[in-house]
Amino acid sequence: MAPVMSDILWDNMMSDDTVSSVKSWILLIILFVVCVIFITPTFLVDHLKPVIELLSRDLGPDNLLAIALQTFFAPLMVLTFNSGLLPLFIDFIAYLEGHKSKS
């Protein structure tokens, strides 16, 4: 749903089209790179594998927490990124584009 016209700060809309376009493309490329890098579970698991192995070794191989950690850690990290961090990052990118409203 679009914002009410009275909520739009029209002073911010009078920016140079070229600058706005370049800024939008740069931010879109940054968002794409971040999503491609962090959304793959192999990236997360590979970089956090030593931590998971250390915790599993300390807890013991038959410990239920160690088994759950090895099984569910990668999906939980992807879920956290997709449902928590990614929307915040997209909101920040939209803020950097300069479209502000009163609300």
PDB file of N, CA and C in Angstrom:
ATOM      1  N   MET A   1       0.837  -1.162   0.000  1.00  0.00           N
ATOM      2  CA  MET A   1       0.000   0.000   0.000  1.00  0.00           C
ATOM      3  C   MET A   1       0.891   1.238   0.000  1.00  0.00           C
ATOM      4  N   ALA A   2       0.586   2.166  -0.819  1.00  0.00           N
ATOM      5  CA  ALA A   2       1.372   3.391  -0.946  1.00  0.00           C
ATOM      6  C   ALA A   2       1.071   4.337   0.216  1.00  0.00           C
ATOM      7  N   PRO A   3       2.061   5.157   0.596  1.00  0.00           N
ATOM      8  CA  PRO A   3       1.810   6.111   1.677  1.00  0.00           C
ATOM      9  C   PRO A   3       0.848   7.209   1.221  1.00  0.00           C
ATOM     10  N   VAL A   4       0.204   7.815   2.192  1.00  0.00           N
ATOM     11  CA  VAL A   4      -0.698   8.928   1.914  1.00  0.00           C
ATOM     12  C   VAL A   4       0.138  10.088   1.394  1.00  0.00           C
ATOM     13  N   MET A   5      -0.403  10.859   0.466  1.00  0.00           N
ATOM     14  CA  MET A   5       0.370  11.930  -0.152  1.00  0.00           C
ATOM     15  C   MET A   5       0.829  12.970   0.866  1.00  0.00           C
ATOM     16  N   SER A   6       0.079  13.150   1.937  1.00  0.00           N
ATOM     17  CA  SER A   6       0.483  14.124   2.953  1.00  0.00           C
ATOM     18  C   SER A   6       1.660  13.632   3.787  1.00  0.00           C
ATOM     19  N   ASP A   7       1.930  12.315   3.765  1.00  0.00           N
ATOM     20  CA  ASP A   7       3.066  11.752   4.508  1.00  0.00           C
ATOM     21  C   ASP A   7       4.372  11.817   3.735  1.00  0.00           C
ATOM     22  N   ILE A   8       4.321  12.132   2.475  1.00  0.00           N
ATOM     23  CA  ILE A   8       5.530  12.164   1.650  1.00  0.00           C
ATOM     24  C   ILE A   8       6.205  13.521   1.792  1.00  0.00           C
ATOM     25  N   LEU A   9       7.497  13.498   2.036  1.00  0.00           N
ATOM     26  CA  LEU A   9       8.273  14.732   2.079  1.00  0.00           C
ATOM     27  C   LEU A   9       8.719  15.038   0.655  1.00  0.00           C
ATOM     28  N   TRP A  10       8.012  15.915  -0.007  1.00  0.00           N
ATOM     29  CA  TRP A  10       8.252  16.171  -1.419  1.00  0.00           C
ATOM     30  C   TRP A  10       9.591  16.845  -1.662  1.00  0.00           C
ATOM     31  N   ASP A  11      10.155  17.502  -0.640  1.00  0.00           N
ATOM     32  CA  ASP A  11      11.479  18.115  -0.803  1.00  0.00           C
ATOM     33  C   ASP A  11      12.539  17.066  -1.114  1.00  0.00           C
ATOM     34  N   ASN A  12      12.380  15.874  -0.553  1.00  0.00           N
ATOM     35  CA  ASN A  12      13.357  14.810  -0.776  1.00  0.00           C
ATOM     36  C   ASN A  12      13.209  14.166  -2.148  1.00  0.00           C
ATOM     37  N   MET A  13      12.101  14.383  -2.802  1.00  0.00           N
ATOM     38  CA  MET A  13      11.870  13.758  -4.096  1.00  0.00           C
ATOM     39  C   MET A  13      12.549  14.506  -5.232  1.00  0.00           C
ATOM     40  N   MET A  14      12.983  15.724  -4.995  1.00  0.00           N
ATOM     41  CA  MET A  14      13.596  16.537  -6.048  1.00  0.00           C
ATOM     42  C   MET A  14      15.111  16.342  -6.072  1.00  0.00           C
ATOM     43  N   SER A  15      15.540  15.137  -6.268  1.00  0.00           N
ATOM     44  CA  SER A  15      16.969  14.872  -6.389  1.00  0.00           C
ATOM     45  C   SER A  15      17.290  14.570  -7.849  1.00  0.00           C
ATOM     46  N   ASP A  16      18.554  14.613  -8.158  1.00  0.00           N
ATOM     47  CA  ASP A  16      19.013  14.381  -9.522  1.00  0.00           C
ATOM     48  C   ASP A  16      18.723  12.935  -9.924  1.00  0.00           C
ATOM     49  N   ASP A  17      18.126  12.741 -11.088  1.00  0.00           N
ATOM     50  CA  ASP A  17      17.770  11.396 -11.542  1.00  0.00           C
ATOM     51  C   ASP A  17      18.996  10.522 -11.740  1.00  0.00           C
ATOM     52  N   THR A  18      20.080  11.084 -12.237  1.00  0.00           N
ATOM     53  CA  THR A  18      21.293  10.308 -12.470  1.00  0.00           C
ATOM     54  C   THR A  18      21.891   9.829 -11.151  1.00  0.00           C
ATOM     55  N   VAL A  19      21.962  10.721 -10.180  1.00  0.00           N
ATOM     56  CA  VAL A  19      22.517  10.358  -8.871  1.00  0.00           C
ATOM     57  C   VAL A  19      21.649   9.302  -8.203  1.00  0.00           C
ATOM     58  N   SER A  20      20.338   9.474  -8.263  1.00  0.00           N
ATOM     59  CA  SER A  20      19.425   8.492  -7.673  1.00  0.00           C
ATOM     60  C   SER A  20      19.555   7.137  -8.350  1.00  0.00           C
ATOM     61  N   SER A  21      19.681   7.139  -9.654  1.00  0.00           N
ATOM     62  CA  SER A  21      19.805   5.891 -10.396  1.00  0.00           C
ATOM     63  C   SER A  21      21.110   5.177 -10.065  1.00  0.00           C
ATOM     64  N   VAL A  22      22.200   5.911 -10.039  1.00  0.00           N
ATOM     65  CA  VAL A  22      23.498   5.305  -9.713  1.00  0.00           C
ATOM     66  C   VAL A  22      23.496   4.778  -8.282  1.00  0.00           C
ATOM     67  N   LYS A  23      22.940   5.566  -7.359  1.00  0.00           N
ATOM     68  CA  LYS A  23      22.886   5.131  -5.964  1.00  0.00           C
ATOM     69  C   LYS A  23      22.041   3.867  -5.825  1.00  0.00           C
ATOM     70  N   SER A  24      20.918   3.814  -6.508  1.00  0.00           N
ATOM     71  CA  SER A  24      20.050   2.638  -6.443  1.00  0.00           C
ATOM     72  C   SER A  24      20.738   1.398  -7.006  1.00  0.00           C
ATOM     73  N   TRP A  25      21.446   1.545  -8.128  1.00  0.00           N
ATOM     74  CA  TRP A  25      22.146   0.399  -8.718  1.00  0.00           C
ATOM     75  C   TRP A  25      23.276  -0.094  -7.820  1.00  0.00           C
ATOM     76  N   ILE A  26      24.022   0.824  -7.239  1.00  0.00           N
ATOM     77  CA  ILE A  26      25.118   0.420  -6.336  1.00  0.00           C
ATOM     78  C   ILE A  26      24.561  -0.319  -5.129  1.00  0.00           C
ATOM     79  N   LEU A  27      23.501   0.209  -4.544  1.00  0.00           N
ATOM     80  CA  LEU A  27      22.905  -0.447  -3.383  1.00  0.00           C
ATOM     81  C   LEU A  27      22.291  -1.792  -3.748  1.00  0.00           C
ATOM     82  N   LEU A  28      21.713  -1.900  -4.929  1.00  0.00           N
ATOM     83  CA  LEU A  28      21.155  -3.168  -5.384  1.00  0.00           C
ATOM     84  C   LEU A  28      22.253  -4.208  -5.577  1.00  0.00           C
ATOM     85  N   ILE A  29      23.377  -3.805  -6.125  1.00  0.00           N
ATOM     86  CA  ILE A  29      24.501  -4.731  -6.310  1.00  0.00           C
ATOM     87  C   ILE A  29      25.041  -5.186  -4.958  1.00  0.00           C
ATOM     88  N   ILE A  30      25.165  -4.258  -4.016  1.00  0.00           N
ATOM     89  CA  ILE A  30      25.630  -4.619  -2.677  1.00  0.00           C
ATOM     90  C   ILE A  30      24.665  -5.611  -2.029  1.00  0.00           C
ATOM     91  N   LEU A  31      23.375  -5.340  -2.140  1.00  0.00           N
ATOM     92  CA  LEU A  31      22.374  -6.250  -1.579  1.00  0.00           C
ATOM     93  C   LEU A  31      22.455  -7.626  -2.225  1.00  0.00           C
ATOM     94  N   PHE A  32      22.616  -7.673  -3.535  1.00  0.00           N
ATOM     95  CA  PHE A  32      22.731  -8.953  -4.231  1.00  0.00           C
ATOM     96  C   PHE A  32      23.949  -9.739  -3.759  1.00  0.00           C
ATOM     97  N   VAL A  33      25.087  -9.069  -3.654  1.00  0.00           N
ATOM     98  CA  VAL A  33      26.317  -9.745  -3.223  1.00  0.00           C
ATOM     99  C   VAL A  33      26.167 -10.276  -1.803  1.00  0.00           C
ATOM    100  N   VAL A  34      25.617  -9.467  -0.927  1.00  0.00           N
ATOM    101  CA  VAL A  34      25.434  -9.917   0.462  1.00  0.00           C
ATOM    102  C   VAL A  34      24.490 -11.113   0.523  1.00  0.00           C
ATOM    103  N   CYS A  35      23.408 -11.066  -0.225  1.00  0.00           N
ATOM    104  CA  CYS A  35      22.459 -12.180  -0.214  1.00  0.00           C
ATOM    105  C   CYS A  35      23.065 -13.452  -0.786  1.00  0.00           C
ATOM    106  N   VAL A  36      23.812 -13.327  -1.857  1.00  0.00           N
ATOM    107  CA  VAL A  36      24.420 -14.516  -2.475  1.00  0.00           C
ATOM    108  C   VAL A  36      25.473 -15.125  -1.549  1.00  0.00           C
ATOM    109  N   ILE A  37      26.245 -14.279  -0.881  1.00  0.00           N
ATOM    110  CA  ILE A  37      27.296 -14.792  -0.005  1.00  0.00           C
ATOM    111  C   ILE A  37      26.718 -15.430   1.249  1.00  0.00           C
ATOM    112  N   PHE A  38      25.808 -14.743   1.904  1.00  0.00           N
ATOM    113  CA  PHE A  38      25.358 -15.200   3.214  1.00  0.00           C
ATOM    114  C   PHE A  38      24.180 -16.151   3.178  1.00  0.00           C
ATOM    115  N   ILE A  39      23.494 -16.257   2.063  1.00  0.00           N
ATOM    116  CA  ILE A  39      22.302 -17.090   2.049  1.00  0.00           C
ATOM    117  C   ILE A  39      22.645 -18.567   1.872  1.00  0.00           C
ATOM    118  N   THR A  40      23.805 -18.858   1.390  1.00  0.00           N
ATOM    119  CA  THR A  40      24.161 -20.256   1.182  1.00  0.00           C
ATOM    120  C   THR A  40      24.582 -20.889   2.506  1.00  0.00           C
ATOM    121  N   PRO A  41      23.958 -21.982   2.875  1.00  0.00           N
ATOM    122  CA  PRO A  41      24.306 -22.618   4.144  1.00  0.00           C
ATOM    123  C   PRO A  41      25.729 -23.154   4.174  1.00  0.00           C
ATOM    124  N   THR A  42      26.293 -23.449   3.018  1.00  0.00           N
ATOM    125  CA  THR A  42      27.662 -23.965   3.029  1.00  0.00           C
ATOM    126  C   THR A  42      28.637 -22.906   3.529  1.00  0.00           C
ATOM    127  N   PHE A  43      28.393 -21.652   3.209  1.00  0.00           N
ATOM    128  CA  PHE A  43      29.246 -20.574   3.710  1.00  0.00           C
ATOM    129  C   PHE A  43      29.180 -20.508   5.232  1.00  0.00           C
ATOM    130  N   LEU A  44      27.972 -20.549   5.751  1.00  0.00           N
ATOM    131  CA  LEU A  44      27.806 -20.468   7.201  1.00  0.00           C
ATOM    132  C   LEU A  44      28.420 -21.675   7.903  1.00  0.00           C
ATOM    133  N   VAL A  45      28.136 -22.846   7.390  1.00  0.00           N
ATOM    134  CA  VAL A  45      28.621 -24.067   8.031  1.00  0.00           C
ATOM    135  C   VAL A  45      30.136 -24.160   7.950  1.00  0.00           C
ATOM    136  N   ASP A  46      30.718 -23.798   6.815  1.00  0.00           N
ATOM    137  CA  ASP A  46      32.168 -23.884   6.662  1.00  0.00           C
ATOM    138  C   ASP A  46      32.898 -22.952   7.631  1.00  0.00           C
ATOM    139  N   HIS A  47      32.362 -21.766   7.815  1.00  0.00           N
ATOM    140  CA  HIS A  47      33.042 -20.822   8.696  1.00  0.00           C
ATOM    141  C   HIS A  47      32.776 -21.078  10.183  1.00  0.00           C
ATOM    142  N   LEU A  48      31.692 -21.760  10.477  1.00  0.00           N
ATOM    143  CA  LEU A  48      31.374 -22.042  11.872  1.00  0.00           C
ATOM    144  C   LEU A  48      31.615 -23.502  12.250  1.00  0.00           C
ATOM    145  N   LYS A  49      32.121 -24.284  11.311  1.00  0.00           N
ATOM    146  CA  LYS A  49      32.371 -25.701  11.584  1.00  0.00           C
ATOM    147  C   LYS A  49      33.360 -25.924  12.730  1.00  0.00           C
ATOM    148  N   PRO A  50      34.460 -25.162  12.823  1.00  0.00           N
ATOM    149  CA  PRO A  50      35.357 -25.372  13.971  1.00  0.00           C
ATOM    150  C   PRO A  50      34.681 -25.112  15.320  1.00  0.00           C
ATOM    151  N   VAL A  51      33.799 -24.143  15.378  1.00  0.00           N
ATOM    152  CA  VAL A  51      33.097 -23.853  16.635  1.00  0.00           C
ATOM    153  C   VAL A  51      32.145 -24.996  16.983  1.00  0.00           C
ATOM    154  N   ILE A  52      31.423 -25.481  15.983  1.00  0.00           N
ATOM    155  CA  ILE A  52      30.493 -26.590  16.222  1.00  0.00           C
ATOM    156  C   ILE A  52      31.248 -27.841  16.654  1.00  0.00           C
ATOM    157  N   GLU A  53      32.369 -28.125  16.004  1.00  0.00           N
ATOM    158  CA  GLU A  53      33.160 -29.306  16.373  1.00  0.00           C
ATOM    159  C   GLU A  53      33.734 -29.176  17.776  1.00  0.00           C
ATOM    160  N   LEU A  54      34.182 -27.983  18.141  1.00  0.00           N
ATOM    161  CA  LEU A  54      34.712 -27.762  19.490  1.00  0.00           C
ATOM    162  C   LEU A  54      33.631 -27.971  20.541  1.00  0.00           C
ATOM    163  N   LEU A  55      32.448 -27.420  20.314  1.00  0.00           N
ATOM    164  CA  LEU A  55      31.352 -27.602  21.263  1.00  0.00           C
ATOM    165  C   LEU A  55      30.917 -29.061  21.333  1.00  0.00           C
ATOM    166  N   SER A  56      30.863 -29.729  20.197  1.00  0.00           N
ATOM    167  CA  SER A  56      30.468 -31.139  20.185  1.00  0.00           C
ATOM    168  C   SER A  56      31.488 -32.003  20.901  1.00  0.00           C
ATOM    169  N   ARG A  57      32.759 -31.680  20.727  1.00  0.00           N
ATOM    170  CA  ARG A  57      33.810 -32.440  21.401  1.00  0.00           C
ATOM    171  C   ARG A  57      33.740 -32.238  22.913  1.00  0.00           C
ATOM    172  N   ASP A  58      33.479 -31.004  23.343  1.00  0.00           N
ATOM    173  CA  ASP A  58      33.385 -30.719  24.778  1.00  0.00           C
ATOM    174  C   ASP A  58      32.155 -31.363  25.405  1.00  0.00           C
ATOM    175  N   LEU A  59      31.062 -31.415  24.665  1.00  0.00           N
ATOM    176  CA  LEU A  59      29.830 -31.994  25.201  1.00  0.00           C
ATOM    177  C   LEU A  59      29.837 -33.515  25.147  1.00  0.00           C
ATOM    178  N   GLY A  60      30.580 -34.087  24.240  1.00  0.00           N
ATOM    179  CA  GLY A  60      30.620 -35.534  24.096  1.00  0.00           C
ATOM    180  C   GLY A  60      29.799 -35.977  22.897  1.00  0.00           C
ATOM    181  N   PRO A  61      30.182 -37.098  22.288  1.00  0.00           N
ATOM    182  CA  PRO A  61      29.513 -37.530  21.054  1.00  0.00           C
ATOM    183  C   PRO A  61      28.073 -38.011  21.264  1.00  0.00           C
ATOM    184  N   ASP A  62      27.726 -38.470  22.460  1.00  0.00           N
ATOM    185  CA  ASP A  62      26.390 -39.014  22.701  1.00  0.00           C
ATOM    186  C   ASP A  62      25.451 -38.010  23.353  1.00  0.00           C
ATOM    187  N   ASN A  63      25.920 -36.793  23.538  1.00  0.00           N
ATOM    188  CA  ASN A  63      25.097 -35.769  24.168  1.00  0.00           C
ATOM    189  C   ASN A  63      24.020 -35.303  23.189  1.00  0.00           C
ATOM    190  N   LEU A  64      22.797 -35.159  23.687  1.00  0.00           N
ATOM    191  CA  LEU A  64      21.676 -34.746  22.851  1.00  0.00           C
ATOM    192  C   LEU A  64      21.872 -33.328  22.309  1.00  0.00           C
ATOM    193  N   LEU A  65      22.440 -32.437  23.111  1.00  0.00           N
ATOM    194  CA  LEU A  65      22.688 -31.070  22.665  1.00  0.00           C
ATOM    195  C   LEU A  65      23.721 -31.036  21.536  1.00  0.00           C
ATOM    196  N   ALA A  66      24.746 -31.865  21.635  1.00  0.00           N
ATOM    197  CA  ALA A  66      25.763 -31.915  20.583  1.00  0.00           C
ATOM    198  C   ALA A  66      25.169 -32.424  19.273  1.00  0.00           C
ATOM    199  N   ILE A  67      24.314 -33.423  19.355  1.00  0.00           N
ATOM    200  CA  ILE A  67      23.671 -33.961  18.153  1.00  0.00           C
ATOM    201  C   ILE A  67      22.736 -32.919  17.534  1.00  0.00           C
ATOM    202  N   ALA A  68      21.960 -32.237  18.376  1.00  0.00           N
ATOM    203  CA  ALA A  68      21.051 -31.203  17.877  1.00  0.00           C
ATOM    204  C   ALA A  68      21.832 -30.051  17.262  1.00  0.00           C
ATOM    205  N   LEU A  69      22.953 -29.695  17.865  1.00  0.00           N
ATOM    206  CA  LEU A  69      23.777 -28.610  17.344  1.00  0.00           C
ATOM    207  C   LEU A  69      24.327 -28.942  15.964  1.00  0.00           C
ATOM    208  N   GLN A  70      24.811 -30.155  15.798  1.00  0.00           N
ATOM    209  CA  GLN A  70      25.342 -30.561  14.495  1.00  0.00           C
ATOM    210  C   GLN A  70      24.238 -30.681  13.449  1.00  0.00           C
ATOM    211  N   THR A  71      23.043 -31.048  13.868  1.00  0.00           N
ATOM    212  CA  THR A  71      21.957 -31.270  12.922  1.00  0.00           C
ATOM    213  C   THR A  71      21.234 -29.991  12.538  1.00  0.00           C
ATOM    214  N   PHE A  72      20.936 -29.148  13.512  1.00  0.00           N
ATOM    215  CA  PHE A  72      20.041 -28.024  13.275  1.00  0.00           C
ATOM    216  C   PHE A  72      20.721 -26.664  13.211  1.00  0.00           C
ATOM    217  N   PHE A  73      22.024 -26.592  13.381  1.00  0.00           N
ATOM    218  CA  PHE A  73      22.679 -25.291  13.433  1.00  0.00           C
ATOM    219  C   PHE A  73      22.639 -24.563  12.086  1.00  0.00           C
ATOM    220  N   ALA A  74      22.941 -25.247  10.999  1.00  0.00           N
ATOM    221  CA  ALA A  74      22.949 -24.605   9.679  1.00  0.00           C
ATOM    222  C   ALA A  74      21.553 -24.117   9.273  1.00  0.00           C
ATOM    223  N   PRO A  75      20.496 -24.933   9.416  1.00  0.00           N
ATOM    224  CA  PRO A  75      19.167 -24.404   9.071  1.00  0.00           C
ATOM    225  C   PRO A  75      18.736 -23.235   9.956  1.00  0.00           C
ATOM    226  N   LEU A  76      19.106 -23.272  11.235  1.00  0.00           N
ATOM    227  CA  LEU A  76      18.758 -22.161  12.117  1.00  0.00           C
ATOM    228  C   LEU A  76      19.483 -20.874  11.723  1.00  0.00           C
ATOM    229  N   MET A  77      20.717 -20.990  11.286  1.00  0.00           N
ATOM    230  CA  MET A  77      21.454 -19.809  10.851  1.00  0.00           C
ATOM    231  C   MET A  77      20.825 -19.219   9.585  1.00  0.00           C
ATOM    232  N   VAL A  78      20.444 -20.054   8.645  1.00  0.00           N
ATOM    233  CA  VAL A  78      19.810 -19.572   7.421  1.00  0.00           C
ATOM    234  C   VAL A  78      18.457 -18.948   7.744  1.00  0.00           C
ATOM    235  N   LEU A  79      17.694 -19.575   8.627  1.00  0.00           N
ATOM    236  CA  LEU A  79      16.406 -19.020   9.034  1.00  0.00           C
ATOM    237  C   LEU A  79      16.577 -17.670   9.728  1.00  0.00           C
ATOM    238  N   THR A  80      17.568 -17.557  10.590  1.00  0.00           N
ATOM    239  CA  THR A  80      17.841 -16.297  11.270  1.00  0.00           C
ATOM    240  C   THR A  80      18.208 -15.211  10.274  1.00  0.00           C
ATOM    241  N   PHE A  81      19.019 -15.553   9.311  1.00  0.00           N
ATOM    242  CA  PHE A  81      19.406 -14.562   8.311  1.00  0.00           C
ATOM    243  C   PHE A  81      18.223 -14.152   7.456  1.00  0.00           C
ATOM    244  N   ASN A  82      17.449 -15.143   6.976  1.00  0.00           N
ATOM    245  CA  ASN A  82      16.339 -14.839   6.073  1.00  0.00           C
ATOM    246  C   ASN A  82      15.206 -14.087   6.755  1.00  0.00           C
ATOM    247  N   SER A  83      14.915 -14.412   8.001  1.00  0.00           N
ATOM    248  CA  SER A  83      13.756 -13.797   8.640  1.00  0.00           C
ATOM    249  C   SER A  83      14.119 -12.635   9.551  1.00  0.00           C
ATOM    250  N   GLY A  84      15.375 -12.490   9.908  1.00  0.00           N
ATOM    251  CA  GLY A  84      15.758 -11.421  10.817  1.00  0.00           C
ATOM    252  C   GLY A  84      16.679 -10.382  10.221  1.00  0.00           C
ATOM    253  N   LEU A  85      17.805 -10.814   9.749  1.00  0.00           N
ATOM    254  CA  LEU A  85      18.815  -9.869   9.282  1.00  0.00           C
ATOM    255  C   LEU A  85      18.537  -9.325   7.887  1.00  0.00           C
ATOM    256  N   LEU A  86      18.060 -10.158   6.990  1.00  0.00           N
ATOM    257  CA  LEU A  86      17.822  -9.718   5.616  1.00  0.00           C
ATOM    258  C   LEU A  86      16.758  -8.617   5.527  1.00  0.00           C
ATOM    259  N   PRO A  87      15.620  -8.738   6.223  1.00  0.00           N
ATOM    260  CA  PRO A  87      14.659  -7.622   6.169  1.00  0.00           C
ATOM    261  C   PRO A  87      15.223  -6.321   6.744  1.00  0.00           C
ATOM    262  N   LEU A  88      16.017  -6.418   7.791  1.00  0.00           N
ATOM    263  CA  LEU A  88      16.644  -5.207   8.328  1.00  0.00           C
ATOM    264  C   LEU A  88      17.613  -4.597   7.331  1.00  0.00           C
ATOM    265  N   PHE A  89      18.359  -5.440   6.636  1.00  0.00           N
ATOM    266  CA  PHE A  89      19.309  -4.955   5.650  1.00  0.00           C
ATOM    267  C   PHE A  89      18.585  -4.288   4.482  1.00  0.00           C
ATOM    268  N   ILE A  90      17.480  -4.879   4.040  1.00  0.00           N
ATOM    269  CA  ILE A  90      16.704  -4.290   2.949  1.00  0.00           C
ATOM    270  C   ILE A  90      16.110  -2.955   3.382  1.00  0.00           C
ATOM    271  N   ASP A  91      15.633  -2.874   4.615  1.00  0.00           N
ATOM    272  CA  ASP A  91      15.098  -1.617   5.131  1.00  0.00           C
ATOM    273  C   ASP A  91      16.193  -0.546   5.182  1.00  0.00           C
ATOM    274  N   PHE A  92      17.394  -0.940   5.571  1.00  0.00           N
ATOM    275  CA  PHE A  92      18.517  -0.006   5.617  1.00  0.00           C
ATOM    276  C   PHE A  92      18.887   0.479   4.209  1.00  0.00           C
ATOM    277  N   ILE A  93      18.859  -0.426   3.237  1.00  0.00           N
ATOM    278  CA  ILE A  93      19.140  -0.055   1.847  1.00  0.00           C
ATOM    279  C   ILE A  93      18.088   0.946   1.359  1.00  0.00           C
ATOM    280  N   ALA A  94      16.824   0.707   1.692  1.00  0.00           N
ATOM    281  CA  ALA A  94      15.763   1.643   1.296  1.00  0.00           C
ATOM    282  C   ALA A  94      15.968   3.001   1.963  1.00  0.00           C
ATOM    283  N   TYR A  95      16.434   2.992   3.203  1.00  0.00           N
ATOM    284  CA  TYR A  95      16.708   4.255   3.891  1.00  0.00           C
ATOM    285  C   TYR A  95      17.850   5.006   3.205  1.00  0.00           C
ATOM    286  N   LEU A  96      18.879   4.284   2.781  1.00  0.00           N
ATOM    287  CA  LEU A  96      20.018   4.913   2.110  1.00  0.00           C
ATOM    288  C   LEU A  96      19.640   5.510   0.746  1.00  0.00           C
ATOM    289  N   GLU A  97      18.602   4.973   0.130  1.00  0.00           N
ATOM    290  CA  GLU A  97      18.161   5.518  -1.157  1.00  0.00           C
ATOM    291  C   GLU A  97      17.568   6.903  -0.994  1.00  0.00           C
ATOM    292  N   GLY A  98      17.154   7.263   0.207  1.00  0.00           N
ATOM    293  CA  GLY A  98      16.711   8.608   0.477  1.00  0.00           C
ATOM    294  C   GLY A  98      15.227   8.852   0.390  1.00  0.00           C
ATOM    295  N   HIS A  99      14.425   7.847   0.294  1.00  0.00           N
ATOM    296  CA  HIS A  99      12.973   8.036   0.268  1.00  0.00           C
ATOM    297  C   HIS A  99      12.476   8.028   1.693  1.00  0.00           C
ATOM    298  N   LYS A 100      12.175   9.194   2.201  1.00  0.00           N
ATOM    299  CA  LYS A 100      11.751   9.315   3.587  1.00  0.00           C
ATOM    300  C   LYS A 100      10.301   9.790   3.644  1.00  0.00           C
ATOM    301  N   SER A 101       9.605   9.369   4.658  1.00  0.00           N
ATOM    302  CA  SER A 101       8.238   9.837   4.879  1.00  0.00           C
ATOM    303  C   SER A 101       8.118  10.296   6.325  1.00  0.00           C
ATOM    304  N   LYS A 102       7.031  10.923   6.652  1.00  0.00           N
ATOM    305  CA  LYS A 102       6.833  11.433   8.004  1.00  0.00           C
ATOM    306  C   LYS A 102       6.579  10.335   9.019  1.00  0.00           C
ATOM    307  N   SER A 103       5.974   9.246   8.581  1.00  0.00           N
ATOM    308  CA  SER A 103       5.587   8.205   9.525  1.00  0.00           C
ATOM    309  C   SER A 103       6.747   7.326   9.909  1.00  0.00           C
TER     310      SER A 103
END
